[in-house]
Every structure is written in C-alpha cells, then in structure tokens.
PDB file of all heavy atoms in Angstrom:
ATOM      1  N   ASP A   1     -13.728   8.824 -18.077  1.00  0.00           N
ATOM      2  CA  ASP A   1     -13.072   8.633 -16.782  1.00  0.00           C
ATOM      3  C   ASP A   1     -13.894   9.247 -15.655  1.00  0.00           C
ATOM      4  O   ASP A   1     -14.033   8.649 -14.572  1.00  0.00           O
ATOM      5  CB  ASP A   1     -11.666   9.251 -16.802  1.00  0.00           C
ATOM      6  CG  ASP A   1     -10.719   8.506 -17.729  1.00  0.00           C
ATOM      7  OD1 ASP A   1     -10.827   7.273 -17.807  1.00  0.00           O
ATOM      8  OD2 ASP A   1      -9.886   9.152 -18.371  1.00  0.00           O
ATOM      9  N   ASP A   2     -14.431  10.423 -15.877  1.00  0.00           N
ATOM     10  CA  ASP A   2     -15.274  11.087 -14.886  1.00  0.00           C
ATOM     11  C   ASP A   2     -16.537  10.279 -14.630  1.00  0.00           C
ATOM     12  O   ASP A   2     -16.961  10.097 -13.471  1.00  0.00           O
ATOM     13  CB  ASP A   2     -15.625  12.489 -15.380  1.00  0.00           C
ATOM     14  CG  ASP A   2     -16.429  13.305 -14.374  1.00  0.00           C
ATOM     15  OD1 ASP A   2     -16.034  13.353 -13.197  1.00  0.00           O
ATOM     16  OD2 ASP A   2     -17.450  13.897 -14.780  1.00  0.00           O
ATOM     17  N   TYR A   3     -17.140   9.780 -15.684  1.00  0.00           N
ATOM     18  CA  TYR A   3     -18.343   8.947 -15.584  1.00  0.00           C
ATOM     19  C   TYR A   3     -18.066   7.680 -14.788  1.00  0.00           C
ATOM     20  O   TYR A   3     -18.813   7.333 -13.858  1.00  0.00           O
ATOM     21  CB  TYR A   3     -18.840   8.616 -16.995  1.00  0.00           C
ATOM     22  CG  TYR A   3     -19.809   7.476 -17.099  1.00  0.00           C
ATOM     23  CD1 TYR A   3     -20.993   7.458 -16.361  1.00  0.00           C
ATOM     24  CD2 TYR A   3     -19.556   6.404 -17.951  1.00  0.00           C
ATOM     25  CE1 TYR A   3     -21.892   6.405 -16.468  1.00  0.00           C
ATOM     26  CE2 TYR A   3     -20.446   5.353 -18.068  1.00  0.00           C
ATOM     27  CZ  TYR A   3     -21.609   5.348 -17.324  1.00  0.00           C
ATOM     28  OH  TYR A   3     -22.493   4.302 -17.427  1.00  0.00           O
ATOM     29  N   TYR A   4     -16.985   6.983 -15.113  1.00  0.00           N
ATOM     30  CA  TYR A   4     -16.652   5.744 -14.412  1.00  0.00           C
ATOM     31  C   TYR A   4     -16.354   6.006 -12.936  1.00  0.00           C
ATOM     32  O   TYR A   4     -16.806   5.267 -12.056  1.00  0.00           O
ATOM     33  CB  TYR A   4     -15.438   5.081 -15.062  1.00  0.00           C
ATOM     34  CG  TYR A   4     -15.639   4.597 -16.472  1.00  0.00           C
ATOM     35  CD1 TYR A   4     -14.560   4.497 -17.363  1.00  0.00           C
ATOM     36  CD2 TYR A   4     -16.898   4.232 -16.946  1.00  0.00           C
ATOM     37  CE1 TYR A   4     -14.731   4.044 -18.655  1.00  0.00           C
ATOM     38  CE2 TYR A   4     -17.077   3.781 -18.245  1.00  0.00           C
ATOM     39  CZ  TYR A   4     -15.990   3.694 -19.094  1.00  0.00           C
ATOM     40  OH  TYR A   4     -16.165   3.249 -20.379  1.00  0.00           O
ATOM     41  N   ARG A   5     -15.585   7.057 -12.676  1.00  0.00           N
ATOM     42  CA  ARG A   5     -15.165   7.340 -11.296  1.00  0.00           C
ATOM     43  C   ARG A   5     -16.357   7.654 -10.395  1.00  0.00           C
ATOM     44  O   ARG A   5     -16.431   7.192  -9.258  1.00  0.00           O
ATOM     45  CB  ARG A   5     -14.180   8.505 -11.290  1.00  0.00           C
ATOM     46  CG  ARG A   5     -13.706   8.935  -9.910  1.00  0.00           C
ATOM     47  CD  ARG A   5     -12.660  10.037 -10.009  1.00  0.00           C
ATOM     48  NE  ARG A   5     -13.155  11.202 -10.729  1.00  0.00           N
ATOM     49  CZ  ARG A   5     -13.886  12.161 -10.177  1.00  0.00           C
ATOM     50  NH1 ARG A   5     -14.220  12.092  -8.882  1.00  0.00           N
ATOM     51  NH2 ARG A   5     -14.287  13.194 -10.882  1.00  0.00           N
ATOM     52  N   LYS A   6     -17.302   8.417 -10.891  1.00  0.00           N
ATOM     53  CA  LYS A   6     -18.416   8.851 -10.061  1.00  0.00           C
ATOM     54  C   LYS A   6     -19.510   7.794  -9.909  1.00  0.00           C
ATOM     55  O   LYS A   6     -20.310   7.867  -8.960  1.00  0.00           O
ATOM     56  CB  LYS A   6     -19.018  10.126 -10.640  1.00  0.00           C
ATOM     57  CG  LYS A   6     -18.116  11.342 -10.531  1.00  0.00           C
ATOM     58  CD  LYS A   6     -18.742  12.572 -11.157  1.00  0.00           C
ATOM     59  CE  LYS A   6     -17.854  13.800 -10.972  1.00  0.00           C
ATOM     60  NZ  LYS A   6     -18.410  15.000 -11.660  1.00  0.00           N
ATOM     61  N   ASN A   7     -19.560   6.823 -10.793  1.00  0.00           N
ATOM     62  CA  ASN A   7     -20.719   5.935 -10.833  1.00  0.00           C
ATOM     63  C   ASN A   7     -20.434   4.469 -10.533  1.00  0.00           C
ATOM     64  O   ASN A   7     -21.370   3.671 -10.488  1.00  0.00           O
ATOM     65  CB  ASN A   7     -21.395   6.054 -12.195  1.00  0.00           C
ATOM     66  CG  ASN A   7     -22.019   7.425 -12.395  1.00  0.00           C
ATOM     67  OD1 ASN A   7     -23.037   7.749 -11.798  1.00  0.00           O
ATOM     68  ND2 ASN A   7     -21.393   8.246 -13.237  1.00  0.00           N
ATOM     69  N   SER A   8     -19.192   4.096 -10.311  1.00  0.00           N
ATOM     70  CA  SER A   8     -18.890   2.721  -9.923  1.00  0.00           C
ATOM     71  C   SER A   8     -19.418   2.468  -8.520  1.00  0.00           C
ATOM     72  O   SER A   8     -19.148   3.235  -7.595  1.00  0.00           O
ATOM     73  CB  SER A   8     -17.380   2.475  -9.968  1.00  0.00           C
ATOM     74  OG  SER A   8     -16.890   2.599 -11.286  1.00  0.00           O
ATOM     75  N   CYS A   9     -20.146   1.382  -8.343  1.00  0.00           N
ATOM     76  CA  CYS A   9     -20.815   1.141  -7.059  1.00  0.00           C
ATOM     77  C   CYS A   9     -19.868   0.668  -5.961  1.00  0.00           C
ATOM     78  O   CYS A   9     -20.226   0.703  -4.783  1.00  0.00           O
ATOM     79  CB  CYS A   9     -21.945   0.134  -7.236  1.00  0.00           C
ATOM     80  SG  CYS A   9     -21.386  -1.572  -7.511  1.00  0.00           S
ATOM     81  N   ARG A  10     -18.660   0.245  -6.314  1.00  0.00           N
ATOM     82  CA  ARG A  10     -17.760  -0.338  -5.310  1.00  0.00           C
ATOM     83  C   ARG A  10     -17.527   0.617  -4.147  1.00  0.00           C
ATOM     84  O   ARG A  10     -17.450   0.190  -2.984  1.00  0.00           O
ATOM     85  CB  ARG A  10     -16.438  -0.720  -5.968  1.00  0.00           C
ATOM     86  CG  ARG A  10     -15.496  -1.491  -5.059  1.00  0.00           C
ATOM     87  CD  ARG A  10     -14.320  -2.053  -5.819  1.00  0.00           C
ATOM     88  NE  ARG A  10     -13.468  -2.860  -4.964  1.00  0.00           N
ATOM     89  CZ  ARG A  10     -12.460  -3.618  -5.406  1.00  0.00           C
ATOM     90  NH1 ARG A  10     -12.210  -3.674  -6.708  1.00  0.00           N
ATOM     91  NH2 ARG A  10     -11.728  -4.319  -4.563  1.00  0.00           N
ATOM     92  N   GLN A  11     -17.431   1.893  -4.428  1.00  0.00           N
ATOM     93  CA  GLN A  11     -17.156   2.889  -3.389  1.00  0.00           C
ATOM     94  C   GLN A  11     -18.342   3.113  -2.454  1.00  0.00           C
ATOM     95  O   GLN A  11     -18.192   3.756  -1.410  1.00  0.00           O
ATOM     96  CB  GLN A  11     -16.783   4.212  -4.060  1.00  0.00           C
ATOM     97  CG  GLN A  11     -17.883   4.801  -4.931  1.00  0.00           C
ATOM     98  CD  GLN A  11     -17.393   5.870  -5.870  1.00  0.00           C
ATOM     99  OE1 GLN A  11     -16.763   6.829  -5.426  1.00  0.00           O
ATOM    100  NE2 GLN A  11     -17.668   5.733  -7.155  1.00  0.00           N
ATOM    101  N   TYR A  12     -19.521   2.586  -2.820  1.00  0.00           N
ATOM    102  CA  TYR A  12     -20.728   2.778  -2.008  1.00  0.00           C
ATOM    103  C   TYR A  12     -21.084   1.546  -1.174  1.00  0.00           C
ATOM    104  O   TYR A  12     -21.984   1.624  -0.332  1.00  0.00           O
ATOM    105  CB  TYR A  12     -21.913   3.105  -2.917  1.00  0.00           C
ATOM    106  CG  TYR A  12     -21.802   4.434  -3.616  1.00  0.00           C
ATOM    107  CD1 TYR A  12     -21.231   4.523  -4.880  1.00  0.00           C
ATOM    108  CD2 TYR A  12     -22.256   5.597  -3.012  1.00  0.00           C
ATOM    109  CE1 TYR A  12     -21.116   5.752  -5.526  1.00  0.00           C
ATOM    110  CE2 TYR A  12     -22.150   6.831  -3.654  1.00  0.00           C
ATOM    111  CZ  TYR A  12     -21.572   6.895  -4.918  1.00  0.00           C
ATOM    112  OH  TYR A  12     -21.476   8.112  -5.546  1.00  0.00           O
ATOM    113  N   LEU A  13     -20.410   0.427  -1.400  1.00  0.00           N
ATOM    114  CA  LEU A  13     -20.818  -0.830  -0.765  1.00  0.00           C
ATOM    115  C   LEU A  13     -20.755  -0.772   0.757  1.00  0.00           C
ATOM    116  O   LEU A  13     -21.606  -1.349   1.443  1.00  0.00           O
ATOM    117  CB  LEU A  13     -19.944  -1.977  -1.268  1.00  0.00           C
ATOM    118  CG  LEU A  13     -20.009  -2.292  -2.774  1.00  0.00           C
ATOM    119  CD1 LEU A  13     -19.042  -3.423  -3.115  1.00  0.00           C
ATOM    120  CD2 LEU A  13     -21.434  -2.671  -3.185  1.00  0.00           C
ATOM    121  N   SER A  14     -19.768  -0.091   1.295  1.00  0.00           N
ATOM    122  CA  SER A  14     -19.588  -0.071   2.757  1.00  0.00           C
ATOM    123  C   SER A  14     -20.723   0.642   3.470  1.00  0.00           C
ATOM    124  O   SER A  14     -20.897   0.484   4.681  1.00  0.00           O
ATOM    125  CB  SER A  14     -18.263   0.603   3.110  1.00  0.00           C
ATOM    126  OG  SER A  14     -18.266   1.965   2.697  1.00  0.00           O
ATOM    127  N   GLN A  15     -21.518   1.434   2.749  1.00  0.00           N
ATOM    128  CA  GLN A  15     -22.582   2.218   3.362  1.00  0.00           C
ATOM    129  C   GLN A  15     -23.939   1.507   3.343  1.00  0.00           C
ATOM    130  O   GLN A  15     -24.921   2.035   3.866  1.00  0.00           O
ATOM    131  CB  GLN A  15     -22.704   3.557   2.628  1.00  0.00           C
ATOM    132  CG  GLN A  15     -21.410   4.361   2.605  1.00  0.00           C
ATOM    133  CD  GLN A  15     -21.474   5.526   1.630  1.00  0.00           C
ATOM    134  OE1 GLN A  15     -22.434   6.287   1.624  1.00  0.00           O
ATOM    135  NE2 GLN A  15     -20.461   5.649   0.791  1.00  0.00           N
ATOM    136  N   ILE A  16     -24.009   0.329   2.737  1.00  0.00           N
ATOM    137  CA  ILE A  16     -25.291  -0.366   2.585  1.00  0.00           C
ATOM    138  C   ILE A  16     -25.673  -1.064   3.881  1.00  0.00           C
ATOM    139  O   ILE A  16     -24.909  -1.866   4.428  1.00  0.00           O
ATOM    140  CB  ILE A  16     -25.223  -1.385   1.434  1.00  0.00           C
ATOM    141  CG1 ILE A  16     -24.949  -0.665   0.108  1.00  0.00           C
ATOM    142  CG2 ILE A  16     -26.528  -2.189   1.341  1.00  0.00           C
ATOM    143  CD1 ILE A  16     -24.751  -1.604  -1.067  1.00  0.00           C
ATOM    144  N   THR A  17     -26.863  -0.782   4.372  1.00  0.00           N
ATOM    145  CA  THR A  17     -27.396  -1.443   5.559  1.00  0.00           C
ATOM    146  C   THR A  17     -28.607  -2.312   5.244  1.00  0.00           C
ATOM    147  O   THR A  17     -28.992  -3.151   6.058  1.00  0.00           O
ATOM    148  CB  THR A  17     -27.797  -0.394   6.618  1.00  0.00           C
ATOM    149  OG1 THR A  17     -28.762   0.510   6.061  1.00  0.00           O
ATOM    150  CG2 THR A  17     -26.580   0.401   7.073  1.00  0.00           C
ATOM    151  N   THR A  18     -29.222  -2.123   4.087  1.00  0.00           N
ATOM    152  CA  THR A  18     -30.354  -2.953   3.668  1.00  0.00           C
ATOM    153  C   THR A  18     -29.892  -4.393   3.476  1.00  0.00           C
ATOM    154  O   THR A  18     -28.819  -4.626   2.900  1.00  0.00           O
ATOM    155  CB  THR A  18     -30.928  -2.431   2.332  1.00  0.00           C
ATOM    156  OG1 THR A  18     -31.337  -1.078   2.497  1.00  0.00           O
ATOM    157  CG2 THR A  18     -32.107  -3.268   1.875  1.00  0.00           C
ATOM    158  N   PRO A  19     -30.653  -5.403   3.939  1.00  0.00           N
ATOM    159  CA  PRO A  19     -30.282  -6.797   3.673  1.00  0.00           C
ATOM    160  C   PRO A  19     -30.128  -7.027   2.174  1.00  0.00           C
ATOM    161  O   PRO A  19     -31.103  -6.908   1.408  1.00  0.00           O
ATOM    162  CB  PRO A  19     -31.462  -7.595   4.235  1.00  0.00           C
ATOM    163  CG  PRO A  19     -32.055  -6.698   5.271  1.00  0.00           C
ATOM    164  CD  PRO A  19     -31.874  -5.306   4.760  1.00  0.00           C
ATOM    165  N   THR A  20     -28.900  -7.308   1.738  1.00  0.00           N
ATOM    166  CA  THR A  20     -28.582  -7.349   0.307  1.00  0.00           C
ATOM    167  C   THR A  20     -27.739  -8.564  -0.027  1.00  0.00           C
ATOM    168  O   THR A  20     -26.705  -8.806   0.606  1.00  0.00           O
ATOM    169  CB  THR A  20     -27.825  -6.073  -0.110  1.00  0.00           C
ATOM    170  OG1 THR A  20     -28.624  -4.918   0.179  1.00  0.00           O
ATOM    171  CG2 THR A  20     -27.500  -6.089  -1.592  1.00  0.00           C
ATOM    172  N   LEU A  21     -28.165  -9.306  -1.044  1.00  0.00           N
ATOM    173  CA  LEU A  21     -27.418 -10.455  -1.558  1.00  0.00           C
ATOM    174  C   LEU A  21     -26.773 -10.067  -2.876  1.00  0.00           C
ATOM    175  O   LEU A  21     -27.441  -9.559  -3.777  1.00  0.00           O
ATOM    176  CB  LEU A  21     -28.358 -11.645  -1.775  1.00  0.00           C
ATOM    177  CG  LEU A  21     -27.762 -12.875  -2.467  1.00  0.00           C
ATOM    178  CD1 LEU A  21     -26.710 -13.544  -1.584  1.00  0.00           C
ATOM    179  CD2 LEU A  21     -28.866 -13.869  -2.839  1.00  0.00           C
ATOM    180  N   ILE A  22     -25.460 -10.295  -2.999  1.00  0.00           N
ATOM    181  CA  ILE A  22     -24.756 -10.090  -4.263  1.00  0.00           C
ATOM    182  C   ILE A  22     -24.267 -11.449  -4.749  1.00  0.00           C
ATOM    183  O   ILE A  22     -23.556 -12.152  -4.024  1.00  0.00           O
ATOM    184  CB  ILE A  22     -23.569  -9.129  -4.112  1.00  0.00           C
ATOM    185  CG1 ILE A  22     -24.026  -7.769  -3.577  1.00  0.00           C
ATOM    186  CG2 ILE A  22     -22.856  -8.956  -5.451  1.00  0.00           C
ATOM    187  CD1 ILE A  22     -22.882  -6.793  -3.330  1.00  0.00           C
ATOM    188  N   LEU A  23     -24.641 -11.799  -5.960  1.00  0.00           N
ATOM    189  CA  LEU A  23     -24.213 -13.054  -6.580  1.00  0.00           C
ATOM    190  C   LEU A  23     -23.226 -12.742  -7.701  1.00  0.00           C
ATOM    191  O   LEU A  23     -23.555 -12.001  -8.635  1.00  0.00           O
ATOM    192  CB  LEU A  23     -25.412 -13.828  -7.125  1.00  0.00           C
ATOM    193  CG  LEU A  23     -26.429 -14.307  -6.092  1.00  0.00           C
ATOM    194  CD1 LEU A  23     -27.623 -14.960  -6.777  1.00  0.00           C
ATOM    195  CD2 LEU A  23     -25.785 -15.289  -5.114  1.00  0.00           C
ATOM    196  N   GLN A  24     -22.047 -13.300  -7.592  1.00  0.00           N
ATOM    197  CA  GLN A  24     -20.981 -12.995  -8.544  1.00  0.00           C
ATOM    198  C   GLN A  24     -20.242 -14.274  -8.912  1.00  0.00           C
ATOM    199  O   GLN A  24     -20.272 -15.254  -8.151  1.00  0.00           O
ATOM    200  CB  GLN A  24     -20.014 -11.993  -7.904  1.00  0.00           C
ATOM    201  CG  GLN A  24     -19.315 -11.076  -8.869  1.00  0.00           C
ATOM    202  CD  GLN A  24     -20.223 -10.003  -9.414  1.00  0.00           C
ATOM    203  OE1 GLN A  24     -21.280  -9.711  -8.867  1.00  0.00           O
ATOM    204  NE2 GLN A  24     -19.817  -9.390 -10.520  1.00  0.00           N
ATOM    205  N   SER A  25     -19.571 -14.256 -10.056  1.00  0.00           N
ATOM    206  CA  SER A  25     -18.824 -15.429 -10.499  1.00  0.00           C
ATOM    207  C   SER A  25     -17.360 -15.076 -10.721  1.00  0.00           C
ATOM    208  O   SER A  25     -17.046 -13.994 -11.230  1.00  0.00           O
ATOM    209  CB  SER A  25     -19.427 -15.971 -11.803  1.00  0.00           C
ATOM    210  OG  SER A  25     -18.622 -17.002 -12.333  1.00  0.00           O
ATOM    211  N   HIS A  26     -16.479 -15.997 -10.362  1.00  0.00           N
ATOM    212  CA  HIS A  26     -15.048 -15.793 -10.582  1.00  0.00           C
ATOM    213  C   HIS A  26     -14.715 -15.729 -12.069  1.00  0.00           C
ATOM    214  O   HIS A  26     -13.717 -15.109 -12.448  1.00  0.00           O
ATOM    215  CB  HIS A  26     -14.245 -16.917  -9.922  1.00  0.00           C
ATOM    216  CG  HIS A  26     -14.094 -16.769  -8.436  1.00  0.00           C
ATOM    217  ND1 HIS A  26     -13.380 -15.746  -7.856  1.00  0.00           N
ATOM    218  CD2 HIS A  26     -14.577 -17.525  -7.411  1.00  0.00           C
ATOM    219  CE1 HIS A  26     -13.413 -15.867  -6.535  1.00  0.00           C
ATOM    220  NE2 HIS A  26     -14.133 -16.933  -6.243  1.00  0.00           N
ATOM    221  N   ASP A  27     -15.521 -16.383 -12.907  1.00  0.00           N
ATOM    222  CA  ASP A  27     -15.201 -16.430 -14.337  1.00  0.00           C
ATOM    223  C   ASP A  27     -16.038 -15.455 -15.163  1.00  0.00           C
ATOM    224  O   ASP A  27     -16.191 -15.622 -16.370  1.00  0.00           O
ATOM    225  CB  ASP A  27     -15.361 -17.847 -14.887  1.00  0.00           C
ATOM    226  CG  ASP A  27     -16.805 -18.339 -14.882  1.00  0.00           C
ATOM    227  OD1 ASP A  27     -17.680 -17.679 -14.285  1.00  0.00           O
ATOM    228  OD2 ASP A  27     -17.064 -19.409 -15.498  1.00  0.00           O
ATOM    229  N   ASP A  28     -16.556 -14.413 -14.520  1.00  0.00           N
ATOM    230  CA  ASP A  28     -17.323 -13.400 -15.246  1.00  0.00           C
ATOM    231  C   ASP A  28     -16.412 -12.714 -16.263  1.00  0.00           C
ATOM    232  O   ASP A  28     -15.400 -12.117 -15.890  1.00  0.00           O
ATOM    233  CB  ASP A  28     -17.872 -12.367 -14.253  1.00  0.00           C
ATOM    234  CG  ASP A  28     -18.895 -11.428 -14.879  1.00  0.00           C
ATOM    235  OD1 ASP A  28     -18.738 -11.067 -16.057  1.00  0.00           O
ATOM    236  OD2 ASP A  28     -19.848 -11.040 -14.185  1.00  0.00           O
ATOM    237  N   PRO A  29     -16.754 -12.777 -17.561  1.00  0.00           N
ATOM    238  CA  PRO A  29     -15.882 -12.187 -18.583  1.00  0.00           C
ATOM    239  C   PRO A  29     -15.856 -10.668 -18.568  1.00  0.00           C
ATOM    240  O   PRO A  29     -15.065 -10.052 -19.277  1.00  0.00           O
ATOM    241  CB  PRO A  29     -16.496 -12.707 -19.893  1.00  0.00           C
ATOM    242  CG  PRO A  29     -17.936 -12.942 -19.572  1.00  0.00           C
ATOM    243  CD  PRO A  29     -17.941 -13.426 -18.151  1.00  0.00           C
ATOM    244  N   PHE A  30     -16.712 -10.044 -17.765  1.00  0.00           N
ATOM    245  CA  PHE A  30     -16.754  -8.588 -17.709  1.00  0.00           C
ATOM    246  C   PHE A  30     -15.741  -8.012 -16.729  1.00  0.00           C
ATOM    247  O   PHE A  30     -15.573  -6.790 -16.691  1.00  0.00           O
ATOM    248  CB  PHE A  30     -18.158  -8.109 -17.302  1.00  0.00           C
ATOM    249  CG  PHE A  30     -19.160  -8.129 -18.419  1.00  0.00           C
ATOM    250  CD1 PHE A  30     -19.383  -9.277 -19.169  1.00  0.00           C
ATOM    251  CD2 PHE A  30     -19.899  -7.007 -18.721  1.00  0.00           C
ATOM    252  CE1 PHE A  30     -20.314  -9.299 -20.195  1.00  0.00           C
ATOM    253  CE2 PHE A  30     -20.829  -7.008 -19.742  1.00  0.00           C
ATOM    254  CZ  PHE A  30     -21.036  -8.166 -20.490  1.00  0.00           C
ATOM    255  N   MET A  31     -15.110  -8.840 -15.931  1.00  0.00           N
ATOM    256  CA  MET A  31     -14.207  -8.280 -14.929  1.00  0.00           C
ATOM    257  C   MET A  31     -13.109  -9.255 -14.534  1.00  0.00           C
ATOM    258  O   MET A  31     -13.258 -10.475 -14.650  1.00  0.00           O
ATOM    259  CB  MET A  31     -14.990  -7.877 -13.681  1.00  0.00           C
ATOM    260  CG  MET A  31     -15.596  -9.023 -12.914  1.00  0.00           C
ATOM    261  SD  MET A  31     -16.745  -8.412 -11.672  1.00  0.00           S
ATOM    262  CE  MET A  31     -18.043  -7.758 -12.725  1.00  0.00           C
ATOM    263  N   ALA A  32     -11.990  -8.676 -14.086  1.00  0.00           N
ATOM    264  CA  ALA A  32     -10.901  -9.471 -13.536  1.00  0.00           C
ATOM    265  C   ALA A  32     -11.208  -9.769 -12.070  1.00  0.00           C
ATOM    266  O   ALA A  32     -12.015  -9.088 -11.430  1.00  0.00           O
ATOM    267  CB  ALA A  32      -9.586  -8.710 -13.659  1.00  0.00           C
ATOM    268  N   THR A  33     -10.551 -10.787 -11.532  1.00  0.00           N
ATOM    269  CA  THR A  33     -10.821 -11.208 -10.156  1.00  0.00           C
ATOM    270  C   THR A  33     -10.564 -10.098  -9.150  1.00  0.00           C
ATOM    271  O   THR A  33     -11.286  -9.974  -8.145  1.00  0.00           O
ATOM    272  CB  THR A  33      -9.957 -12.433  -9.811  1.00  0.00           C
ATOM    273  OG1 THR A  33     -10.228 -13.481 -10.742  1.00  0.00           O
ATOM    274  CG2 THR A  33     -10.264 -12.945  -8.413  1.00  0.00           C
ATOM    275  N   ASP A  34      -9.558  -9.247  -9.426  1.00  0.00           N
ATOM    276  CA  ASP A  34      -9.238  -8.198  -8.451  1.00  0.00           C
ATOM    277  C   ASP A  34     -10.275  -7.083  -8.416  1.00  0.00           C
ATOM    278  O   ASP A  34     -10.187  -6.173  -7.599  1.00  0.00           O
ATOM    279  CB  ASP A  34      -7.842  -7.620  -8.718  1.00  0.00           C
ATOM    280  CG  ASP A  34      -7.721  -6.942 -10.088  1.00  0.00           C
ATOM    281  OD1 ASP A  34      -8.732  -6.856 -10.822  1.00  0.00           O
ATOM    282  OD2 ASP A  34      -6.606  -6.498 -10.415  1.00  0.00           O
ATOM    283  N   GLN A  35     -11.271  -7.144  -9.292  1.00  0.00           N
ATOM    284  CA  GLN A  35     -12.342  -6.155  -9.261  1.00  0.00           C
ATOM    285  C   GLN A  35     -13.493  -6.577  -8.347  1.00  0.00           C
ATOM    286  O   GLN A  35     -14.429  -5.804  -8.124  1.00  0.00           O
ATOM    287  CB  GLN A  35     -12.865  -5.910 -10.682  1.00  0.00           C
ATOM    288  CG  GLN A  35     -11.841  -5.212 -11.569  1.00  0.00           C
ATOM    289  CD  GLN A  35     -12.191  -5.303 -13.042  1.00  0.00           C
ATOM    290  OE1 GLN A  35     -13.345  -5.479 -13.396  1.00  0.00           O
ATOM    291  NE2 GLN A  35     -11.187  -5.192 -13.895  1.00  0.00           N
ATOM    292  N   ILE A  36     -13.433  -7.783  -7.825  1.00  0.00           N
ATOM    293  CA  ILE A  36     -14.439  -8.242  -6.873  1.00  0.00           C
ATOM    294  C   ILE A  36     -14.082  -7.690  -5.489  1.00  0.00           C
ATOM    295  O   ILE A  36     -12.947  -7.828  -5.029  1.00  0.00           O
ATOM    296  CB  ILE A  36     -14.492  -9.774  -6.834  1.00  0.00           C
ATOM    297  CG1 ILE A  36     -14.902 -10.315  -8.209  1.00  0.00           C
ATOM    298  CG2 ILE A  36     -15.477 -10.257  -5.771  1.00  0.00           C
ATOM    299  CD1 ILE A  36     -14.856 -11.824  -8.324  1.00  0.00           C
ATOM    300  N   PRO A  37     -14.997  -7.028  -4.817  1.00  0.00           N
ATOM    301  CA  PRO A  37     -14.679  -6.394  -3.531  1.00  0.00           C
ATOM    302  C   PRO A  37     -14.307  -7.400  -2.448  1.00  0.00           C
ATOM    303  O   PRO A  37     -14.771  -8.545  -2.450  1.00  0.00           O
ATOM    304  CB  PRO A  37     -15.964  -5.641  -3.184  1.00  0.00           C
ATOM    305  CG  PRO A  37     -17.041  -6.316  -3.957  1.00  0.00           C
ATOM    306  CD  PRO A  37     -16.404  -6.800  -5.219  1.00  0.00           C
ATOM    307  N   GLU A  38     -13.481  -6.947  -1.514  1.00  0.00           N
ATOM    308  CA  GLU A  38     -13.095  -7.740  -0.360  1.00  0.00           C
ATOM    309  C   GLU A  38     -14.162  -7.629   0.724  1.00  0.00           C
ATOM    310  O   GLU A  38     -15.004  -6.722   0.717  1.00  0.00           O
ATOM    311  CB  GLU A  38     -11.757  -7.255   0.178  1.00  0.00           C
ATOM    312  CG  GLU A  38     -10.615  -7.302  -0.817  1.00  0.00           C
ATOM    313  CD  GLU A  38     -10.195  -8.724  -1.160  1.00  0.00           C
ATOM    314  OE1 GLU A  38     -10.461  -9.633  -0.333  1.00  0.00           O
ATOM    315  OE2 GLU A  38      -9.606  -8.927  -2.233  1.00  0.00           O
TER     316      GLU A  38
END
C-alpha cells in the first residue's frame, strides 16, 4: 500500500509542463475506466 501510494503517477500529472503525449485505451485489461485521469 505504501509503495502504490507513493509511486502512482496520477498524482504528478498536473505538474507536467514538458510537451507530453499519453496514449491509452478504454479496453486496457490492466485498469478500469475510472482509473483514467480526467
């Protein structure tokens, strides 16, 4: 739990200023749809 909490990138996304492309799929078997950031 400590490892997951400290290292999930979702909490860092708002701080990114570098031009960055994220490619994601709605049917990714590794995650539920609500895990995709808004």
